[in-house]
N, C-alpha and C. Protein backbone atom coordinates (compact mmCIF):
# COMPACT_ATOMS: atom_id res chain seq x y z
N UNK A 1 26.99 -5.95 -6.08
CA UNK A 1 25.58 -5.50 -6.71
C UNK A 1 24.44 -6.29 -5.98
N UNK A 2 23.53 -5.40 -5.72
CA UNK A 2 22.21 -5.91 -5.15
C UNK A 2 21.12 -5.83 -6.07
N UNK A 3 20.17 -6.69 -5.95
CA UNK A 3 18.91 -6.31 -6.72
C UNK A 3 18.20 -5.50 -5.79
N UNK A 4 17.48 -4.54 -6.37
CA UNK A 4 16.74 -3.31 -5.51
C UNK A 4 15.36 -3.96 -5.22
N UNK A 5 15.04 -3.63 -4.12
CA UNK A 5 13.88 -4.03 -3.46
C UNK A 5 12.67 -3.07 -4.30
N UNK A 6 11.59 -3.75 -4.21
CA UNK A 6 10.34 -3.04 -4.91
C UNK A 6 9.38 -2.84 -3.76
N UNK A 7 9.25 -1.43 -3.66
CA UNK A 7 8.41 -0.94 -2.58
C UNK A 7 7.42 0.29 -3.15
N UNK A 8 6.20 0.00 -3.30
CA UNK A 8 5.39 0.90 -4.03
C UNK A 8 4.99 1.88 -2.75
N UNK A 9 4.91 3.20 -3.13
CA UNK A 9 4.43 4.29 -2.04
C UNK A 9 3.47 4.82 -2.42
N UNK A 10 2.41 5.28 -1.69
CA UNK A 10 1.11 6.29 -1.66
C UNK A 10 1.50 7.41 -0.70
N UNK A 11 1.54 8.54 -1.25
CA UNK A 11 1.82 9.64 -0.64
C UNK A 11 0.55 10.64 -0.84
N UNK A 12 0.33 11.59 0.10
CA UNK A 12 -1.12 12.36 -0.03
C UNK A 12 -0.55 13.68 -0.40
N UNK A 13 -1.04 14.44 -1.30
CA UNK A 13 -0.94 15.92 -1.52
C UNK A 13 -1.24 16.86 -0.27
N UNK A 14 -0.38 17.73 -0.22
CA UNK A 14 -0.68 18.38 1.12
C UNK A 14 -0.38 17.99 2.46
N UNK A 15 0.30 16.68 2.66
CA UNK A 15 0.37 16.15 3.72
C UNK A 15 2.05 15.73 3.86
N UNK A 16 2.60 15.91 5.17
CA UNK A 16 4.09 15.64 5.14
C UNK A 16 4.15 13.98 4.89
N UNK A 17 5.12 13.91 4.17
CA UNK A 17 5.48 12.37 3.68
C UNK A 17 6.89 11.76 4.45
N UNK A 18 6.91 10.92 5.23
CA UNK A 18 8.04 10.22 5.95
C UNK A 18 8.06 9.06 5.46
N UNK A 19 9.20 8.42 5.57
CA UNK A 19 9.62 6.93 5.30
C UNK A 19 10.92 6.73 5.96
N UNK A 20 10.93 5.63 6.84
CA UNK A 20 12.26 5.40 7.49
C UNK A 20 12.64 3.94 7.18
N UNK A 21 13.70 3.79 6.59
CA UNK A 21 14.37 2.53 6.14
C UNK A 21 15.63 2.16 6.92
N UNK A 22 15.88 0.85 6.94
CA UNK A 22 17.23 0.32 7.56
C UNK A 22 17.77 -0.32 6.45
N UNK A 23 19.12 -0.37 6.03
CA UNK A 23 19.59 -1.23 4.88
C UNK A 23 20.59 -2.08 5.99
N UNK A 24 20.26 -3.54 5.88
CA UNK A 24 21.00 -4.37 6.52
C UNK A 24 21.46 -5.68 5.73
N UNK A 25 22.65 -6.02 5.86
CA UNK A 25 23.04 -7.37 5.18
C UNK A 25 23.41 -8.22 6.06
N UNK A 26 22.77 -9.32 6.11
CA UNK A 26 23.04 -10.43 6.96
C UNK A 26 22.49 -10.00 8.41
N UNK A 27 21.46 -9.25 8.55
CA UNK A 27 21.10 -8.66 9.83
C UNK A 27 22.03 -7.49 10.49
N UNK A 28 23.01 -7.15 9.84
CA UNK A 28 23.95 -5.95 10.41
C UNK A 28 23.66 -4.94 9.67
N UNK A 29 23.51 -3.68 10.17
CA UNK A 29 23.41 -2.65 9.40
C UNK A 29 24.54 -2.23 8.63
N UNK A 30 24.48 -1.66 7.53
CA UNK A 30 25.41 -1.12 6.59
C UNK A 30 25.88 0.21 6.96
N UNK A 31 27.08 0.35 7.27
CA UNK A 31 27.56 1.95 7.66
C UNK A 31 27.53 2.69 6.48
N UNK A 32 26.85 3.58 6.68
CA UNK A 32 26.43 4.72 5.63
C UNK A 32 27.27 6.03 5.81
N UNK A 33 28.41 6.05 6.71
CA UNK A 33 29.04 7.32 7.21
C UNK A 33 29.54 7.95 5.84
N UNK A 34 30.23 7.24 4.95
CA UNK A 34 30.85 7.92 3.71
C UNK A 34 29.80 7.79 2.67
N UNK A 35 28.47 7.71 2.79
CA UNK A 35 27.45 7.62 1.60
C UNK A 35 26.81 9.02 1.55
N UNK A 36 26.07 9.22 0.17
CA UNK A 36 25.25 10.13 -0.04
C UNK A 36 23.96 9.46 -0.56
N UNK A 37 22.92 10.22 -0.76
CA UNK A 37 21.79 9.40 -1.52
C UNK A 37 21.05 10.53 -2.58
N UNK A 38 20.12 9.97 -3.26
CA UNK A 38 19.25 10.77 -4.16
C UNK A 38 18.17 9.96 -4.32
N UNK A 39 16.95 10.36 -4.49
CA UNK A 39 15.69 9.73 -4.68
C UNK A 39 15.11 10.91 -5.70
N UNK A 40 14.38 10.44 -6.78
CA UNK A 40 13.88 10.98 -7.90
C UNK A 40 12.45 10.44 -8.19
N UNK A 41 11.30 11.14 -8.44
CA UNK A 41 9.99 10.77 -8.87
C UNK A 41 9.69 11.44 -9.93
N UNK A 42 9.40 10.45 -11.14
CA UNK A 42 9.08 10.96 -12.62
C UNK A 42 7.84 10.21 -12.96
N UNK A 43 7.21 11.09 -13.85
CA UNK A 43 6.10 10.46 -14.51
C UNK A 43 6.50 9.15 -15.17
N UNK A 44 7.57 8.73 -15.70
CA UNK A 44 8.08 7.55 -16.22
C UNK A 44 9.67 7.49 -16.23
N UNK A 45 10.13 6.31 -16.52
CA UNK A 45 11.56 6.31 -16.61
C UNK A 45 12.22 7.05 -17.60
N UNK A 46 11.60 7.29 -18.71
CA UNK A 46 11.96 8.20 -19.92
C UNK A 46 11.67 9.76 -19.45
N UNK A 47 11.06 10.20 -18.62
CA UNK A 47 10.70 11.58 -18.39
C UNK A 47 11.96 12.41 -18.24
N UNK A 48 11.93 13.60 -18.71
CA UNK A 48 13.19 14.17 -18.35
C UNK A 48 13.02 15.27 -17.10
N UNK A 49 11.86 15.48 -16.70
CA UNK A 49 11.51 16.45 -15.52
C UNK A 49 11.07 15.46 -14.44
N UNK A 50 11.51 16.09 -13.21
CA UNK A 50 11.25 15.45 -12.08
C UNK A 50 9.93 15.98 -11.18
N UNK A 51 9.14 15.05 -10.47
CA UNK A 51 8.19 15.40 -9.77
C UNK A 51 8.48 15.93 -8.41
N UNK A 52 9.30 14.95 -7.64
CA UNK A 52 10.17 15.39 -6.64
C UNK A 52 11.61 14.89 -6.67
N UNK A 53 12.51 15.48 -6.09
CA UNK A 53 14.02 15.25 -6.36
C UNK A 53 14.44 15.65 -5.10
N UNK A 54 14.88 14.51 -4.42
CA UNK A 54 15.43 14.55 -2.90
C UNK A 54 16.88 14.23 -2.99
N UNK A 55 17.65 14.65 -1.96
CA UNK A 55 19.01 14.25 -1.81
C UNK A 55 19.32 14.39 -0.32
N UNK A 56 20.71 13.89 0.05
CA UNK A 56 21.01 14.05 1.17
C UNK A 56 21.03 15.45 1.81
N UNK A 57 20.49 15.72 2.88
CA UNK A 57 20.62 17.09 3.45
C UNK A 57 19.41 17.92 2.78
N UNK A 58 18.80 17.27 1.69
CA UNK A 58 17.59 17.96 1.26
C UNK A 58 16.36 17.01 1.06
N UNK A 59 15.76 16.66 2.21
CA UNK A 59 14.79 15.55 2.00
C UNK A 59 15.24 14.16 2.44
N UNK A 60 16.55 13.95 2.58
CA UNK A 60 17.12 12.67 2.87
C UNK A 60 18.49 12.65 4.00
N UNK A 61 18.00 11.71 5.05
CA UNK A 61 19.02 12.02 6.06
C UNK A 61 19.74 10.51 6.37
N UNK A 62 21.02 10.30 6.22
CA UNK A 62 21.43 8.94 6.47
C UNK A 62 21.93 8.95 7.81
N UNK A 63 21.73 7.76 8.29
CA UNK A 63 22.40 7.44 9.91
C UNK A 63 23.24 6.89 10.28
N UNK A 64 24.35 6.98 9.20
CA UNK A 64 25.67 6.40 9.76
C UNK A 64 25.81 4.95 10.15
N UNK A 65 26.46 4.66 10.99
CA UNK A 65 26.76 3.08 11.45
C UNK A 65 25.25 2.49 11.58
N UNK A 66 24.15 3.32 11.85
CA UNK A 66 22.93 2.64 12.20
C UNK A 66 22.48 1.81 10.80
N UNK A 67 22.92 2.60 9.65
CA UNK A 67 22.45 1.96 8.46
C UNK A 67 20.82 2.49 8.17
N UNK A 68 20.44 3.63 8.78
CA UNK A 68 19.40 4.05 8.65
C UNK A 68 19.10 5.23 7.39
N UNK A 69 18.03 5.26 6.98
CA UNK A 69 17.45 6.27 5.81
C UNK A 69 16.39 7.01 6.01
N UNK A 70 16.15 8.18 6.26
CA UNK A 70 14.90 8.93 6.87
C UNK A 70 14.73 9.81 5.40
N UNK A 71 13.62 9.63 5.01
CA UNK A 71 12.97 10.52 3.87
C UNK A 71 11.92 11.25 4.51
N UNK A 72 12.10 12.61 4.20
CA UNK A 72 10.96 13.77 4.84
C UNK A 72 10.88 14.52 3.68
N UNK A 73 9.52 14.63 3.45
CA UNK A 73 9.14 15.54 2.36
C UNK A 73 8.08 16.51 2.96
N UNK A 74 8.16 17.92 3.23
CA UNK A 74 7.46 18.68 4.16
C UNK A 74 5.83 19.00 3.32
N UNK A 75 5.00 19.13 4.17
CA UNK A 75 3.57 19.18 3.46
C UNK A 75 3.53 20.51 2.45
N UNK A 76 4.40 21.39 2.76
CA UNK A 76 4.35 22.54 1.81
C UNK A 76 4.84 22.09 0.48
N UNK A 77 5.80 21.22 0.26
CA UNK A 77 6.32 20.68 -0.97
C UNK A 77 5.25 19.96 -1.43
N UNK A 78 4.78 18.90 -0.56
CA UNK A 78 3.80 17.80 -1.11
C UNK A 78 2.54 18.55 -1.69
N UNK A 79 2.29 19.44 -1.14
CA UNK A 79 0.97 20.61 -1.48
C UNK A 79 1.17 20.92 -2.90
N UNK A 80 2.36 21.21 -3.55
CA UNK A 80 2.77 21.65 -4.78
C UNK A 80 2.74 20.48 -5.78
N UNK A 81 2.85 19.17 -5.33
CA UNK A 81 2.98 18.38 -6.31
C UNK A 81 1.75 17.77 -6.80
N UNK A 82 1.68 17.48 -8.03
CA UNK A 82 0.40 17.17 -8.68
C UNK A 82 -0.07 15.57 -8.47
N UNK A 83 -1.13 15.50 -8.30
CA UNK A 83 -1.79 14.04 -7.72
C UNK A 83 -1.47 13.32 -9.23
N UNK A 84 -1.26 11.87 -8.97
CA UNK A 84 -1.01 11.22 -10.13
C UNK A 84 -0.23 9.91 -9.74
N UNK A 85 0.13 9.12 -10.77
CA UNK A 85 1.03 7.82 -10.49
C UNK A 85 1.99 8.00 -11.15
N UNK A 86 3.33 7.47 -10.57
CA UNK A 86 4.63 7.98 -11.02
C UNK A 86 5.62 6.81 -10.72
N UNK A 87 6.91 6.99 -10.94
CA UNK A 87 7.95 5.98 -10.67
C UNK A 87 8.91 6.78 -10.02
N UNK A 88 9.68 5.91 -9.18
CA UNK A 88 10.67 6.28 -8.48
C UNK A 88 11.83 5.44 -8.09
N UNK A 89 12.92 5.91 -7.83
CA UNK A 89 14.28 4.92 -7.13
C UNK A 89 14.95 5.64 -6.20
N UNK A 90 15.47 5.12 -5.28
CA UNK A 90 16.42 5.63 -4.12
C UNK A 90 17.72 5.07 -4.36
N UNK A 91 18.73 5.82 -4.98
CA UNK A 91 20.25 5.31 -5.07
C UNK A 91 20.93 5.92 -3.75
N UNK A 92 22.10 4.95 -3.60
CA UNK A 92 23.03 5.27 -2.51
C UNK A 92 24.36 5.53 -3.12
N UNK A 93 25.28 6.49 -2.88
CA UNK A 93 26.54 6.56 -3.52
C UNK A 93 27.50 6.58 -2.41
N UNK A 94 28.76 5.85 -2.85
CA UNK A 94 29.83 5.73 -2.07
C UNK A 94 31.03 5.72 -2.99
N UNK A 95 31.79 6.95 -3.25
CA UNK A 95 32.84 6.93 -4.14
C UNK A 95 31.89 6.92 -5.73
N UNK A 96 32.70 6.03 -6.35
CA UNK A 96 32.15 5.66 -7.80
C UNK A 96 30.99 4.45 -7.75
N UNK A 97 30.77 3.99 -6.43
CA UNK A 97 29.81 2.80 -6.49
C UNK A 97 28.48 3.55 -6.10
N UNK A 98 27.51 3.05 -7.24
CA UNK A 98 26.24 3.35 -6.92
C UNK A 98 25.26 2.17 -6.72
N UNK A 99 24.56 2.16 -5.64
CA UNK A 99 23.57 1.18 -5.16
C UNK A 99 21.95 1.62 -5.44
N UNK A 100 21.42 1.03 -6.16
CA UNK A 100 19.94 1.55 -6.26
C UNK A 100 19.13 0.56 -5.13
N UNK A 101 18.98 1.02 -4.12
CA UNK A 101 18.43 0.16 -2.84
C UNK A 101 16.92 -0.22 -2.97
N UNK A 102 16.06 0.69 -3.60
CA UNK A 102 14.50 0.32 -3.49
C UNK A 102 13.99 1.07 -4.98
N UNK A 103 12.93 0.58 -5.50
CA UNK A 103 12.46 1.28 -6.58
C UNK A 103 10.92 0.96 -6.48
N UNK A 104 9.95 1.64 -7.46
CA UNK A 104 8.81 1.19 -7.38
C UNK A 104 7.87 1.95 -7.87
N UNK A 105 6.36 1.98 -7.72
CA UNK A 105 5.61 2.95 -8.14
C UNK A 105 5.32 4.25 -6.91
N UNK A 106 5.11 5.25 -7.23
CA UNK A 106 4.92 6.43 -6.21
C UNK A 106 3.70 7.08 -6.72
N UNK A 107 2.43 7.10 -5.99
CA UNK A 107 1.33 7.34 -6.25
C UNK A 107 0.92 8.53 -5.14
N UNK A 108 0.61 9.55 -5.80
CA UNK A 108 0.19 10.82 -4.95
C UNK A 108 -1.30 11.02 -5.15
N UNK A 109 -2.03 10.84 -3.90
CA UNK A 109 -3.60 11.04 -3.82
C UNK A 109 -3.84 12.52 -3.56
N UNK A 110 -4.95 13.06 -4.49
CA UNK A 110 -5.39 14.43 -4.47
C UNK A 110 -5.94 15.00 -3.16
N UNK A 111 -5.58 16.16 -2.67
CA UNK A 111 -5.84 16.79 -1.50
C UNK A 111 -7.31 17.16 -1.80
N UNK A 112 -8.13 17.12 -0.73
CA UNK A 112 -9.39 17.52 -0.81
C UNK A 112 -9.54 18.83 0.01
N UNK A 113 -8.99 18.79 1.24
CA UNK A 113 -9.02 19.80 2.31
C UNK A 113 -7.97 20.92 1.61
N UNK A 114 -8.39 22.25 1.50
CA UNK A 114 -7.34 23.22 1.13
C UNK A 114 -7.41 24.57 1.85
C-alpha cells in the first residue's frame, strides 16, 4: 500500500484538459501492462453523482512498461461540465489490488468565450 499523492487540479470549462503522469518506485517505472484505471470527479466524497467519470480507454491511457498515465478530457466534454470546486481521485487496478495513486481538489473555472 502507498499513500496517495496530493495534487490539486485546475481545469477550464470548454478547453481540452490533459495531464501526464509517471508512476515510479525508486526511480524505476511501474509496469502498468496488466492494470486498468479510473478517475472520478464529484462535488464531495459523499456525492452519489459524478461531474467527470474517466476510465482506461475512455479518457485514460496507460503506458505499459513506461509507467505513464495520460488523462485527456476533450473540450466538448469540458464544455458540459459545470464550473465549481470538486474533489477527485485516480485509482489503478491490478486484479484485486487497488492503488489510489493521487487525489485532491478539482476546480473547473467558468468559460467566458462561447
